[in-house]
Amino acid sequence: MNRVLILGANGLLGHSLVPWLRGLSYEVIRAGRNQDEDFIIDLHDRHSLTSLIREIAPNYVINLVGATNVDQCETDIGYAYNGNVAVVANLAAVMKDCADLSLHLVHLSTDQLYDGLGLQDEKRIKPVNVYALSKFAGELALAASPAAILRTNFFGRSHCPSRVSFTDWLVNSLRGESQFTLFTDVIFNAVHMNTLCDIIHRVMHQRLVGVFNVGSRGAISKAEFGLRLAELLGISSKHIRQGSVSDAVLKARRPKDMSMSIERLESALAFQCPSIEDEILRAAREYFYA
């Protein structure tokens, strides 16, 4: 049986990825600081993490740990560094310590490294805030490791009791009584969480190494996304106020066009990613009877 160690499995993606991999007959072991995980460990402690990996001897390690509050990263650089750089640098050192185990690492990064016009390939990064800079620094720490770095953005119904997803927030807002703003100038090509889980498995299976954009075919603004989801759910979009991210009062600057070229991933996996329209439909089905 293939054994997978997931770091930070108690977060938004972890609550979908763990059952997904178990459904494929992987033995999944969860480690982190949360009491619900199989091993409680300080992921900044090189000795402890090395000992754990040698004890359980996984075939794969998946790192889902990250400081994801973009505005908090901007005002608290220590928070950004500890969550997005220090943990990853420690993991890179541990991978070196355990080189004899032939581990393969999958590390989750972000589409916020991009801010350009049109579909951007893996070389055209343009970080515009501390969060993105810290995520890129984490990627650099893994440069010599046998790792697949996946830059992505995802949505879909959350199975994590303590976290809501973008679509959770959007559907709740559509069903509410108050107006809310969606940006017409923030463009992305995110994927559904289940699609991301499938792609992570494909990347593991082929033991890909390098940096890969993981997204859907086509791109859409946050405003268009919300309008389309409302249409599919048969919910009025009257509460949606369309606006510009430039007018929003935010502590951290946000990138506008995060749309990614996925040619490198599709070529490496011999796999075609779904369209953004299909992914929105997939999400709508999750909320239709909720």
C-alpha atoms as a PDB file:
ATOM      1  CA  MET A   1       0.000   0.000   0.000  1.00  0.00           C
ATOM      2  CA  ASN A   2       1.284   3.476  -0.853  1.00  0.00           C
ATOM      3  CA  ARG A   3       1.692   5.602   2.245  1.00  0.00           C
ATOM      4  CA  VAL A   4       1.144   9.376   2.195  1.00  0.00           C
ATOM      5  CA  LEU A   5       2.102  11.851   4.911  1.00  0.00           C
ATOM      6  CA  ILE A   6       0.032  15.040   4.726  1.00  0.00           C
ATOM      7  CA  LEU A   7       1.263  18.088   6.626  1.00  0.00           C
ATOM      8  CA  GLY A   8      -1.514  20.496   7.544  1.00  0.00           C
ATOM      9  CA  ALA A   9      -4.316  18.060   6.690  1.00  0.00           C
ATOM     10  CA  ASN A  10      -6.815  19.800   8.979  1.00  0.00           C
ATOM     11  CA  GLY A  11      -7.348  22.762   6.646  1.00  0.00           C
ATOM     12  CA  LEU A  12      -9.746  23.476   3.813  1.00  0.00           C
ATOM     13  CA  LEU A  13      -8.105  21.345   1.124  1.00  0.00           C
ATOM     14  CA  GLY A  14      -7.005  18.622   3.539  1.00  0.00           C
ATOM     15  CA  HIS A  15     -10.581  17.783   4.470  1.00  0.00           C
ATOM     16  CA  SER A  16     -11.227  16.885   0.826  1.00  0.00           C
ATOM     17  CA  LEU A  17      -7.832  15.412  -0.050  1.00  0.00           C
ATOM     18  CA  VAL A  18      -7.608  12.940   2.846  1.00  0.00           C
ATOM     19  CA  PRO A  19     -10.827  11.039   2.009  1.00  0.00           C
ATOM     20  CA  TRP A  20     -10.051  11.310  -1.717  1.00  0.00           C
ATOM     21  CA  LEU A  21      -6.714   9.514  -1.326  1.00  0.00           C
ATOM     22  CA  ARG A  22      -8.111   6.990   1.142  1.00  0.00           C
ATOM     23  CA  GLY A  23     -10.790   6.211  -1.419  1.00  0.00           C
ATOM     24  CA  LEU A  24      -7.949   5.305  -3.789  1.00  0.00           C
ATOM     25  CA  SER A  25      -6.540   2.871  -1.176  1.00  0.00           C
ATOM     26  CA  TYR A  26      -3.705   5.069   0.029  1.00  0.00           C
ATOM     27  CA  GLU A  27      -2.712   4.889   3.662  1.00  0.00           C
ATOM     28  CA  VAL A  28      -2.945   8.532   4.728  1.00  0.00           C
ATOM     29  CA  ILE A  29      -1.173   9.826   7.827  1.00  0.00           C
ATOM     30  CA  ARG A  30      -1.843  13.379   9.019  1.00  0.00           C
ATOM     31  CA  ALA A  31       0.691  15.467  10.935  1.00  0.00           C
ATOM     32  CA  GLY A  32       0.641  19.022  12.236  1.00  0.00           C
ATOM     33  CA  ARG A  33      -0.254  21.098  15.262  1.00  0.00           C
ATOM     34  CA  ASN A  34      -3.966  20.261  15.382  1.00  0.00           C
ATOM     35  CA  GLN A  35      -5.215  17.882  18.056  1.00  0.00           C
ATOM     36  CA  ASP A  36      -7.254  15.910  15.500  1.00  0.00           C
ATOM     37  CA  GLU A  37      -4.232  14.859  13.464  1.00  0.00           C
ATOM     38  CA  ASP A  38      -2.496  11.500  13.796  1.00  0.00           C
ATOM     39  CA  PHE A  39       0.784  13.062  14.932  1.00  0.00           C
ATOM     40  CA  ILE A  40       1.079  16.400  16.709  1.00  0.00           C
ATOM     41  CA  ILE A  41       4.403  17.914  15.728  1.00  0.00           C
ATOM     42  CA  ASP A  42       6.230  21.229  15.465  1.00  0.00           C
ATOM     43  CA  LEU A  43       6.848  21.484  11.744  1.00  0.00           C
ATOM     44  CA  HIS A  44       9.656  23.975  12.380  1.00  0.00           C
ATOM     45  CA  ASP A  45      11.612  21.276  14.265  1.00  0.00           C
ATOM     46  CA  ARG A  46      13.943  19.532  11.821  1.00  0.00           C
ATOM     47  CA  HIS A  47      14.857  16.682  14.177  1.00  0.00           C
ATOM     48  CA  SER A  48      11.239  15.878  15.082  1.00  0.00           C
ATOM     49  CA  LEU A  49      10.056  15.914  11.480  1.00  0.00           C
ATOM     50  CA  THR A  50      13.003  13.794  10.319  1.00  0.00           C
ATOM     51  CA  SER A  51      12.304  11.264  13.077  1.00  0.00           C
ATOM     52  CA  LEU A  52       8.622  11.112  12.154  1.00  0.00           C
ATOM     53  CA  ILE A  53       9.320  10.563   8.469  1.00  0.00           C
ATOM     54  CA  ARG A  54      11.837   7.832   9.224  1.00  0.00           C
ATOM     55  CA  GLU A  55       9.384   6.189  11.600  1.00  0.00           C
ATOM     56  CA  ILE A  56       6.452   6.034   9.190  1.00  0.00           C
ATOM     57  CA  ALA A  57       8.487   5.807   5.926  1.00  0.00           C
ATOM     58  CA  PRO A  58       5.960   7.398   3.564  1.00  0.00           C
ATOM     59  CA  ASN A  59       6.233   7.161  -0.198  1.00  0.00           C
ATOM     60  CA  TYR A  60       4.865  10.696  -0.576  1.00  0.00           C
ATOM     61  CA  VAL A  61       4.728  13.876   1.474  1.00  0.00           C
ATOM     62  CA  ILE A  62       2.116  16.536   0.725  1.00  0.00           C
ATOM     63  CA  ASN A  63       2.555  19.969   2.268  1.00  0.00           C
ATOM     64  CA  LEU A  64      -0.673  21.919   2.761  1.00  0.00           C
ATOM     65  CA  VAL A  65       0.709  24.169   5.510  1.00  0.00           C
ATOM     66  CA  GLY A  66       0.575  27.876   4.809  1.00  0.00           C
ATOM     67  CA  ALA A  67      -0.183  31.333   6.130  1.00  0.00           C
ATOM     68  CA  THR A  68      -3.130  32.191   3.877  1.00  0.00           C
ATOM     69  CA  ASN A  69      -4.567  35.386   5.389  1.00  0.00           C
ATOM     70  CA  VAL A  70      -3.330  37.843   2.771  1.00  0.00           C
ATOM     71  CA  ASP A  71      -3.985  40.999   4.809  1.00  0.00           C
ATOM     72  CA  GLN A  72      -2.410  39.543   7.949  1.00  0.00           C
ATOM     73  CA  CYS A  73       0.694  38.612   5.941  1.00  0.00           C
ATOM     74  CA  GLU A  74       0.981  42.245   4.878  1.00  0.00           C
ATOM     75  CA  THR A  75       0.956  43.595   8.438  1.00  0.00           C
ATOM     76  CA  ASP A  76       2.663  40.699  10.220  1.00  0.00           C
ATOM     77  CA  ILE A  77       5.705  39.579   8.261  1.00  0.00           C
ATOM     78  CA  GLY A  78       6.590  37.073  10.971  1.00  0.00           C
ATOM     79  CA  TYR A  79       3.280  35.309  10.385  1.00  0.00           C
ATOM     80  CA  ALA A  80       3.986  35.148   6.652  1.00  0.00           C
ATOM     81  CA  TYR A  81       7.573  34.003   7.120  1.00  0.00           C
ATOM     82  CA  ASN A  82       6.829  31.287   9.664  1.00  0.00           C
ATOM     83  CA  GLY A  83       3.929  29.805   7.700  1.00  0.00           C
ATOM     84  CA  ASN A  84       5.182  30.144   4.134  1.00  0.00           C
ATOM     85  CA  VAL A  85       8.972  30.150   4.333  1.00  0.00           C
ATOM     86  CA  ALA A  86      10.341  28.680   7.573  1.00  0.00           C
ATOM     87  CA  VAL A  87       8.173  25.544   7.497  1.00  0.00           C
ATOM     88  CA  VAL A  88       9.060  24.916   3.854  1.00  0.00           C
ATOM     89  CA  ALA A  89      12.777  25.517   4.397  1.00  0.00           C
ATOM     90  CA  ASN A  90      12.693  23.045   7.282  1.00  0.00           C
ATOM     91  CA  LEU A  91      10.865  20.537   5.100  1.00  0.00           C
ATOM     92  CA  ALA A  92      13.513  20.950   2.386  1.00  0.00           C
ATOM     93  CA  ALA A  93      16.236  20.192   4.949  1.00  0.00           C
ATOM     94  CA  VAL A  94      14.327  17.124   6.129  1.00  0.00           C
ATOM     95  CA  MET A  95      13.934  15.891   2.546  1.00  0.00           C
ATOM     96  CA  LYS A  96      17.714  16.089   2.249  1.00  0.00           C
ATOM     97  CA  ASP A  97      18.163  14.233   5.553  1.00  0.00           C
ATOM     98  CA  CYS A  98      15.850  11.486   4.269  1.00  0.00           C
ATOM     99  CA  ALA A  99      17.173  11.310   0.706  1.00  0.00           C
ATOM    100  CA  ASP A 100      17.750   7.573   1.075  1.00  0.00           C
ATOM    101  CA  LEU A 101      13.972   7.022   1.422  1.00  0.00           C
ATOM    102  CA  SER A 102      13.257   8.238  -2.146  1.00  0.00           C
ATOM    103  CA  LEU A 103      10.444  10.520  -0.987  1.00  0.00           C
ATOM    104  CA  HIS A 104       8.368  12.554  -3.391  1.00  0.00           C
ATOM    105  CA  LEU A 105       7.003  15.902  -2.191  1.00  0.00           C
ATOM    106  CA  VAL A 106       3.946  17.800  -3.429  1.00  0.00           C
ATOM    107  CA  HIS A 107       3.851  21.411  -2.223  1.00  0.00           C
ATOM    108  CA  LEU A 108       0.877  23.746  -2.664  1.00  0.00           C
ATOM    109  CA  SER A 109       1.585  27.305  -3.772  1.00  0.00           C
ATOM    110  CA  THR A 110      -0.632  30.087  -5.127  1.00  0.00           C
ATOM    111  CA  ASP A 111      -1.851  31.819  -8.277  1.00  0.00           C
ATOM    112  CA  GLN A 112      -1.283  35.145  -6.519  1.00  0.00           C
ATOM    113  CA  LEU A 113       2.287  35.024  -7.832  1.00  0.00           C
ATOM    114  CA  TYR A 114       0.849  36.335 -11.108  1.00  0.00           C
ATOM    115  CA  ASP A 115      -0.447  39.756 -12.094  1.00  0.00           C
ATOM    116  CA  GLY A 116      -0.271  40.250 -15.852  1.00  0.00           C
ATOM    117  CA  LEU A 117      -2.342  40.228 -18.995  1.00  0.00           C
ATOM    118  CA  GLY A 118      -3.549  36.922 -20.386  1.00  0.00           C
ATOM    119  CA  LEU A 119      -2.509  33.400 -19.475  1.00  0.00           C
ATOM    120  CA  GLN A 120       0.827  33.476 -17.681  1.00  0.00           C
ATOM    121  CA  ASP A 121       3.340  30.654 -17.723  1.00  0.00           C
ATOM    122  CA  GLU A 122       5.423  29.538 -14.764  1.00  0.00           C
ATOM    123  CA  LYS A 123       8.271  31.990 -15.512  1.00  0.00           C
ATOM    124  CA  ARG A 124       6.174  35.192 -15.579  1.00  0.00           C
ATOM    125  CA  ILE A 125       5.726  35.797 -11.881  1.00  0.00           C
ATOM    126  CA  LYS A 126       4.916  39.219 -10.458  1.00  0.00           C
ATOM    127  CA  PRO A 127       4.304  39.168  -6.689  1.00  0.00           C
ATOM    128  CA  VAL A 128       2.493  42.314  -5.523  1.00  0.00           C
ATOM    129  CA  ASN A 129       2.130  41.633  -1.794  1.00  0.00           C
ATOM    130  CA  VAL A 130       3.928  40.022   1.148  1.00  0.00           C
ATOM    131  CA  TYR A 131       1.818  36.872   0.915  1.00  0.00           C
ATOM    132  CA  ALA A 132       2.899  36.205  -2.668  1.00  0.00           C
ATOM    133  CA  LEU A 133       6.538  37.044  -1.891  1.00  0.00           C
ATOM    134  CA  SER A 134       6.556  34.639   1.048  1.00  0.00           C
ATOM    135  CA  LYS A 135       5.019  31.863  -1.046  1.00  0.00           C
ATOM    136  CA  PHE A 136       7.671  32.395  -3.720  1.00  0.00           C
ATOM    137  CA  ALA A 137      10.423  32.330  -1.078  1.00  0.00           C
ATOM    138  CA  GLY A 138       9.030  28.994   0.075  1.00  0.00           C
ATOM    139  CA  GLU A 139       9.203  27.683  -3.477  1.00  0.00           C
ATOM    140  CA  LEU A 140      12.849  28.760  -3.738  1.00  0.00           C
ATOM    141  CA  ALA A 141      13.644  26.826  -0.559  1.00  0.00           C
ATOM    142  CA  LEU A 142      12.559  23.655  -2.361  1.00  0.00           C
ATOM    143  CA  ALA A 143      14.676  24.259  -5.464  1.00  0.00           C
ATOM    144  CA  ALA A 144      16.970  21.285  -4.784  1.00  0.00           C
ATOM    145  CA  SER A 145      14.258  18.922  -3.522  1.00  0.00           C
ATOM    146  CA  PRO A 146      12.443  16.158  -5.430  1.00  0.00           C
ATOM    147  CA  ALA A 147       9.231  18.151  -5.343  1.00  0.00           C
ATOM    148  CA  ALA A 148       6.265  19.165  -7.457  1.00  0.00           C
ATOM    149  CA  ILE A 149       5.227  22.742  -6.677  1.00  0.00           C
ATOM    150  CA  LEU A 150       1.625  23.382  -7.670  1.00  0.00           C
ATOM    151  CA  ARG A 151       0.500  26.986  -8.104  1.00  0.00           C
ATOM    152  CA  THR A 152      -3.249  26.968  -7.864  1.00  0.00           C
ATOM    153  CA  ASN A 153      -6.530  28.418  -6.607  1.00  0.00           C
ATOM    154  CA  PHE A 154      -9.558  26.309  -5.762  1.00  0.00           C
ATOM    155  CA  PHE A 155     -13.211  26.461  -4.794  1.00  0.00           C
ATOM    156  CA  GLY A 156     -16.039  24.071  -3.951  1.00  0.00           C
ATOM    157  CA  ARG A 157     -18.078  23.155  -0.924  1.00  0.00           C
ATOM    158  CA  SER A 158     -15.986  23.017   2.247  1.00  0.00           C
ATOM    159  CA  HIS A 159     -15.895  19.884   4.388  1.00  0.00           C
ATOM    160  CA  CYS A 160     -13.775  21.658   6.989  1.00  0.00           C
ATOM    161  CA  PRO A 161     -15.808  22.693  10.062  1.00  0.00           C
ATOM    162  CA  SER A 162     -13.635  25.736  10.734  1.00  0.00           C
ATOM    163  CA  ARG A 163     -13.164  27.087   7.191  1.00  0.00           C
ATOM    164  CA  VAL A 164     -15.504  28.338   4.488  1.00  0.00           C
ATOM    165  CA  SER A 165     -14.508  28.322   0.841  1.00  0.00           C
ATOM    166  CA  PHE A 166     -14.965  31.089  -1.725  1.00  0.00           C
ATOM    167  CA  THR A 167     -18.090  29.400  -3.067  1.00  0.00           C
ATOM    168  CA  ASP A 168     -19.456  28.810   0.462  1.00  0.00           C
ATOM    169  CA  TRP A 169     -19.179  32.541   1.094  1.00  0.00           C
ATOM    170  CA  LEU A 170     -20.613  33.360  -2.313  1.00  0.00           C
ATOM    171  CA  VAL A 171     -23.662  31.088  -2.004  1.00  0.00           C
ATOM    172  CA  ASN A 172     -24.365  32.287   1.547  1.00  0.00           C
ATOM    173  CA  SER A 173     -24.135  35.894   0.339  1.00  0.00           C
ATOM    174  CA  LEU A 174     -26.449  35.217  -2.620  1.00  0.00           C
ATOM    175  CA  ARG A 175     -29.010  33.693  -0.277  1.00  0.00           C
ATOM    176  CA  GLY A 176     -28.679  36.538   2.216  1.00  0.00           C
ATOM    177  CA  GLU A 177     -30.337  39.938   2.382  1.00  0.00           C
ATOM    178  CA  SER A 178     -27.353  42.276   2.072  1.00  0.00           C
ATOM    179  CA  GLN A 179     -25.499  43.591  -0.926  1.00  0.00           C
ATOM    180  CA  PHE A 180     -21.924  42.443  -1.473  1.00  0.00           C
ATOM    181  CA  THR A 181     -19.228  43.333  -3.981  1.00  0.00           C
ATOM    182  CA  LEU A 182     -17.617  41.104  -6.590  1.00  0.00           C
ATOM    183  CA  PHE A 183     -14.732  42.454  -8.615  1.00  0.00           C
ATOM    184  CA  THR A 184     -14.937  42.814 -12.376  1.00  0.00           C
ATOM    185  CA  ASP A 185     -11.175  43.256 -12.717  1.00  0.00           C
ATOM    186  CA  VAL A 186      -9.921  40.251 -10.716  1.00  0.00           C
ATOM    187  CA  ILE A 187      -9.463  37.408 -13.212  1.00  0.00           C
ATOM    188  CA  PHE A 188      -8.657  33.797 -12.351  1.00  0.00           C
ATOM    189  CA  ASN A 189      -8.947  30.233 -13.638  1.00  0.00           C
ATOM    190  CA  ALA A 190      -9.321  28.274 -10.425  1.00  0.00           C
ATOM    191  CA  VAL A 191     -10.342  24.620 -10.208  1.00  0.00           C
ATOM    192  CA  HIS A 192     -12.839  22.722  -8.117  1.00  0.00           C
ATOM    193  CA  MET A 193     -11.351  21.072  -5.006  1.00  0.00           C
ATOM    194  CA  ASN A 194     -12.133  17.593  -6.331  1.00  0.00           C
ATOM    195  CA  THR A 195     -10.332  18.371  -9.587  1.00  0.00           C
ATOM    196  CA  LEU A 196      -7.331  19.540  -7.579  1.00  0.00           C
ATOM    197  CA  CYS A 197      -7.390  16.333  -5.521  1.00  0.00           C
ATOM    198  CA  ASP A 198      -7.410  14.305  -8.736  1.00  0.00           C
ATOM    199  CA  ILE A 199      -4.510  16.294 -10.176  1.00  0.00           C
ATOM    200  CA  ILE A 200      -2.487  15.955  -6.964  1.00  0.00           C
ATOM    201  CA  HIS A 201      -2.930  12.201  -7.233  1.00  0.00           C
ATOM    202  CA  ARG A 202      -1.829  12.217 -10.878  1.00  0.00           C
ATOM    203  CA  VAL A 203       1.243  14.302  -9.981  1.00  0.00           C
ATOM    204  CA  MET A 204       2.108  11.867  -7.171  1.00  0.00           C
ATOM    205  CA  HIS A 205       1.628   8.840  -9.395  1.00  0.00           C
ATOM    206  CA  GLN A 206       3.998  10.225 -12.037  1.00  0.00           C
ATOM    207  CA  ARG A 207       6.341  11.742  -9.433  1.00  0.00           C
ATOM    208  CA  LEU A 208       6.562  15.009 -11.325  1.00  0.00           C
ATOM    209  CA  VAL A 209       9.295  17.436 -10.286  1.00  0.00           C
ATOM    210  CA  GLY A 210       9.204  21.178 -10.944  1.00  0.00           C
ATOM    211  CA  VAL A 211       6.773  24.083 -10.858  1.00  0.00           C
ATOM    212  CA  PHE A 212       3.347  23.645 -12.445  1.00  0.00           C
ATOM    213  CA  ASN A 213       0.301  25.872 -12.815  1.00  0.00           C
ATOM    214  CA  VAL A 214      -2.900  24.021 -11.903  1.00  0.00           C
ATOM    215  CA  GLY A 215      -6.006  25.708 -13.263  1.00  0.00           C
ATOM    216  CA  SER A 216      -9.014  25.316 -15.497  1.00  0.00           C
ATOM    217  CA  ARG A 217      -9.296  26.018 -19.202  1.00  0.00           C
ATOM    218  CA  GLY A 218     -10.473  29.559 -19.742  1.00  0.00           C
ATOM    219  CA  ALA A 219     -10.535  32.438 -17.263  1.00  0.00           C
ATOM    220  CA  ILE A 220     -13.258  34.510 -15.660  1.00  0.00           C
ATOM    221  CA  SER A 221     -13.678  37.528 -13.394  1.00  0.00           C
ATOM    222  CA  LYS A 222     -14.891  37.084  -9.834  1.00  0.00           C
ATOM    223  CA  ALA A 223     -18.030  39.035 -10.798  1.00  0.00           C
ATOM    224  CA  GLU A 224     -18.750  36.826 -13.816  1.00  0.00           C
ATOM    225  CA  PHE A 225     -18.141  33.752 -11.677  1.00  0.00           C
ATOM    226  CA  GLY A 226     -20.713  34.901  -9.108  1.00  0.00           C
ATOM    227  CA  LEU A 227     -23.307  35.766 -11.737  1.00  0.00           C
ATOM    228  CA  ARG A 228     -22.900  32.404 -13.456  1.00  0.00           C
ATOM    229  CA  LEU A 229     -23.135  30.454 -10.187  1.00  0.00           C
ATOM    230  CA  ALA A 230     -26.281  32.363  -9.228  1.00  0.00           C
ATOM    231  CA  GLU A 231     -27.803  31.575 -12.630  1.00  0.00           C
ATOM    232  CA  LEU A 232     -27.046  27.864 -12.320  1.00  0.00           C
ATOM    233  CA  LEU A 233     -28.548  27.752  -8.824  1.00  0.00           C
ATOM    234  CA  GLY A 234     -31.619  29.730  -9.826  1.00  0.00           C
ATOM    235  CA  ILE A 235     -30.851  32.400  -7.243  1.00  0.00           C
ATOM    236  CA  SER A 236     -31.364  36.099  -7.888  1.00  0.00           C
ATOM    237  CA  SER A 237     -28.133  38.050  -8.373  1.00  0.00           C
ATOM    238  CA  LYS A 238     -29.761  41.307  -7.191  1.00  0.00           C
ATOM    239  CA  HIS A 239     -27.490  41.524  -4.142  1.00  0.00           C
ATOM    240  CA  ILE A 240     -24.301  41.460  -6.248  1.00  0.00           C
ATOM    241  CA  ARG A 241     -22.637  44.848  -6.577  1.00  0.00           C
ATOM    242  CA  GLN A 242     -20.004  44.853  -9.319  1.00  0.00           C
ATOM    243  CA  GLY A 243     -16.909  46.883  -8.527  1.00  0.00           C
ATOM    244  CA  SER A 244     -13.149  47.264  -8.909  1.00  0.00           C
ATOM    245  CA  VAL A 245     -10.594  45.826  -6.520  1.00  0.00           C
ATOM    246  CA  SER A 246      -8.813  49.188  -6.799  1.00  0.00           C
ATOM    247  CA  ASP A 247     -11.667  50.762  -4.850  1.00  0.00           C
ATOM    248  CA  ALA A 248     -11.643  48.154  -2.067  1.00  0.00           C
ATOM    249  CA  VAL A 249     -10.165  49.072   1.308  1.00  0.00           C
ATOM    250  CA  LEU A 250      -7.648  46.265   1.809  1.00  0.00           C
ATOM    251  CA  LYS A 251      -4.383  46.171   3.731  1.00  0.00           C
ATOM    252  CA  ALA A 252      -2.603  44.226   0.999  1.00  0.00           C
ATOM    253  CA  ARG A 253      -2.635  45.002  -2.693  1.00  0.00           C
ATOM    254  CA  ARG A 254      -4.322  42.268  -4.728  1.00  0.00           C
ATOM    255  CA  PRO A 255      -3.244  41.052  -8.161  1.00  0.00           C
ATOM    256  CA  LYS A 256      -5.802  41.601 -10.907  1.00  0.00           C
ATOM    257  CA  ASP A 257      -5.132  39.004 -13.589  1.00  0.00           C
ATOM    258  CA  MET A 258      -4.026  35.718 -12.058  1.00  0.00           C
ATOM    259  CA  SER A 259      -5.016  33.575 -15.045  1.00  0.00           C
ATOM    260  CA  MET A 260      -2.457  30.856 -15.648  1.00  0.00           C
ATOM    261  CA  SER A 261      -1.276  28.875 -18.634  1.00  0.00           C
ATOM    262  CA  ILE A 262      -1.735  25.173 -17.857  1.00  0.00           C
ATOM    263  CA  GLU A 263       0.090  23.820 -20.923  1.00  0.00           C
ATOM    264  CA  ARG A 264       3.073  22.550 -18.924  1.00  0.00           C
ATOM    265  CA  LEU A 265       0.892  20.544 -16.540  1.00  0.00           C
ATOM    266  CA  GLU A 266      -1.308  19.114 -19.276  1.00  0.00           C
ATOM    267  CA  SER A 267       1.734  18.071 -21.304  1.00  0.00           C
ATOM    268  CA  ALA A 268       3.465  16.446 -18.319  1.00  0.00           C
ATOM    269  CA  LEU A 269       0.347  14.517 -17.266  1.00  0.00           C
ATOM    270  CA  ALA A 270      -1.034  13.834 -20.758  1.00  0.00           C
ATOM    271  CA  PHE A 271      -4.260  15.130 -19.292  1.00  0.00           C
ATOM    272  CA  GLN A 272      -6.736  17.855 -20.224  1.00  0.00           C
ATOM    273  CA  CYS A 273      -7.943  20.096 -17.418  1.00  0.00           C
ATOM    274  CA  PRO A 274     -11.679  20.877 -17.295  1.00  0.00           C
ATOM    275  CA  SER A 275     -13.123  24.190 -18.443  1.00  0.00           C
ATOM    276  CA  ILE A 276     -13.990  26.920 -15.947  1.00  0.00           C
ATOM    277  CA  GLU A 277     -17.636  26.538 -17.018  1.00  0.00           C
ATOM    278  CA  ASP A 278     -17.604  22.828 -16.144  1.00  0.00           C
ATOM    279  CA  GLU A 279     -15.973  23.590 -12.793  1.00  0.00           C
ATOM    280  CA  ILE A 280     -18.615  26.181 -11.881  1.00  0.00           C
ATOM    281  CA  LEU A 281     -21.298  23.662 -12.818  1.00  0.00           C
ATOM    282  CA  ARG A 282     -19.601  21.078 -10.613  1.00  0.00           C
ATOM    283  CA  ALA A 283     -19.736  23.494  -7.696  1.00  0.00           C
ATOM    284  CA  ALA A 284     -23.355  24.424  -8.383  1.00  0.00           C
ATOM    285  CA  ARG A 285     -24.407  20.786  -8.098  1.00  0.00           C
ATOM    286  CA  GLU A 286     -22.941  20.667  -4.583  1.00  0.00           C
ATOM    287  CA  TYR A 287     -25.117  23.558  -3.398  1.00  0.00           C
ATOM    288  CA  PHE A 288     -28.301  22.880  -5.367  1.00  0.00           C
ATOM    289  CA  TYR A 289     -30.015  20.853  -2.652  1.00  0.00           C
ATOM    290  CA  ALA A 290     -28.197  22.425   0.306  1.00  0.00           C
END
